[in-house]
């Protein structure tokens, strides 16, 4: 279950980084935060292991925008 999180993170590193260059870091960061919120709500009510693996994969994919792009977005303010 935990490994799917990191697989999702690695699989989206190149794609989300390019999206932030095209559309702006602000929008990619906000969308990834909204996706993360929705996934955390779903993980709270989840009782199926396969669905839990899928949610963790998607959380890893959203982590690219939340952490990787969010860090660069924060540094731009400094």
Protein backbone atom coordinates (compact mmCIF):
# COMPACT_ATOMS: atom_id res chain seq x y z
CA UNK A 1 0.00 0.00 0.00
CA UNK A 2 2.77 2.43 0.90
CA UNK A 3 4.81 1.69 -2.20
CA UNK A 4 1.99 2.82 -4.49
CA UNK A 5 2.36 6.32 -3.03
CA UNK A 6 5.95 6.59 -4.22
CA UNK A 7 5.19 5.00 -7.59
CA UNK A 8 2.55 7.69 -8.19
CA UNK A 9 5.00 10.40 -7.17
CA UNK A 10 7.75 9.18 -9.49
CA UNK A 11 5.44 8.62 -12.46
CA UNK A 12 4.21 12.24 -12.45
CA UNK A 13 7.43 14.14 -11.79
CA UNK A 14 8.12 15.11 -15.40
CA UNK A 15 4.50 15.70 -16.41
CA UNK A 16 3.43 17.99 -13.56
CA UNK A 17 6.65 19.99 -13.71
CA UNK A 18 5.99 20.80 -17.35
CA UNK A 19 2.36 21.69 -16.60
CA UNK A 20 3.52 24.19 -13.99
CA UNK A 21 5.76 25.83 -16.57
CA UNK A 22 2.90 26.12 -19.06
CA UNK A 23 -0.04 27.08 -16.82
CA UNK A 24 1.75 28.58 -13.82
CA UNK A 25 2.74 27.15 -10.48
CA UNK A 26 -0.17 28.77 -8.66
CA UNK A 27 -2.85 26.82 -10.52
CA UNK A 28 -1.02 23.51 -10.46
CA UNK A 29 -0.44 23.90 -6.72
CA UNK A 30 -4.08 24.78 -6.01
CA UNK A 31 -5.45 21.92 -8.09
CA UNK A 32 -3.11 19.42 -6.45
CA UNK A 33 -4.17 20.67 -3.01
CA UNK A 34 -7.85 20.22 -3.89
CA UNK A 35 -7.16 16.72 -5.23
CA UNK A 36 -5.24 15.89 -2.05
CA UNK A 37 -8.13 17.09 0.11
CA UNK A 38 -10.64 14.97 -1.82
CA UNK A 39 -8.39 11.91 -1.63
CA UNK A 40 -7.85 12.26 2.12
CA UNK A 41 -11.62 12.41 2.60
CA UNK A 42 -11.98 9.25 0.49
CA UNK A 43 -9.22 7.43 2.37
CA UNK A 44 -11.05 8.08 5.63
CA UNK A 45 -14.13 6.20 4.44
CA UNK A 46 -12.32 3.49 2.46
CA UNK A 47 -12.72 -0.16 3.43
CA UNK A 48 -11.43 -1.88 0.25
CA UNK A 49 -7.71 -2.62 0.01
CA UNK A 50 -7.53 -2.25 -3.78
CA UNK A 51 -9.28 1.11 -3.60
CA UNK A 52 -6.83 2.12 -0.86
CA UNK A 53 -3.90 1.30 -3.15
CA UNK A 54 -5.45 3.42 -5.90
CA UNK A 55 -6.01 6.32 -3.52
CA UNK A 56 -2.40 6.12 -2.31
CA UNK A 57 -1.19 6.12 -5.92
CA UNK A 58 -3.24 9.24 -6.64
CA UNK A 59 -2.00 10.86 -3.44
CA UNK A 60 1.53 10.30 -4.65
CA UNK A 61 0.63 11.86 -7.99
CA UNK A 62 -0.82 14.88 -6.20
CA UNK A 63 2.29 15.11 -4.03
CA UNK A 64 4.29 16.17 -7.07
CA UNK A 65 2.24 19.34 -7.31
CA UNK A 66 1.92 19.80 -3.59
CA UNK A 67 5.55 19.40 -2.55
CA UNK A 68 7.77 19.65 -5.63
CA UNK A 69 5.93 22.51 -7.31
CA UNK A 70 4.86 24.05 -4.00
CA UNK A 71 8.46 24.39 -2.87
CA UNK A 72 9.47 26.21 -6.05
CA UNK A 73 6.36 28.39 -5.79
CA UNK A 74 7.30 29.34 -2.21
CA UNK A 75 10.90 30.11 -3.16
CA UNK A 76 9.63 32.53 -5.82
CA UNK A 77 8.02 34.57 -3.04
CA UNK A 78 11.27 34.77 -1.13
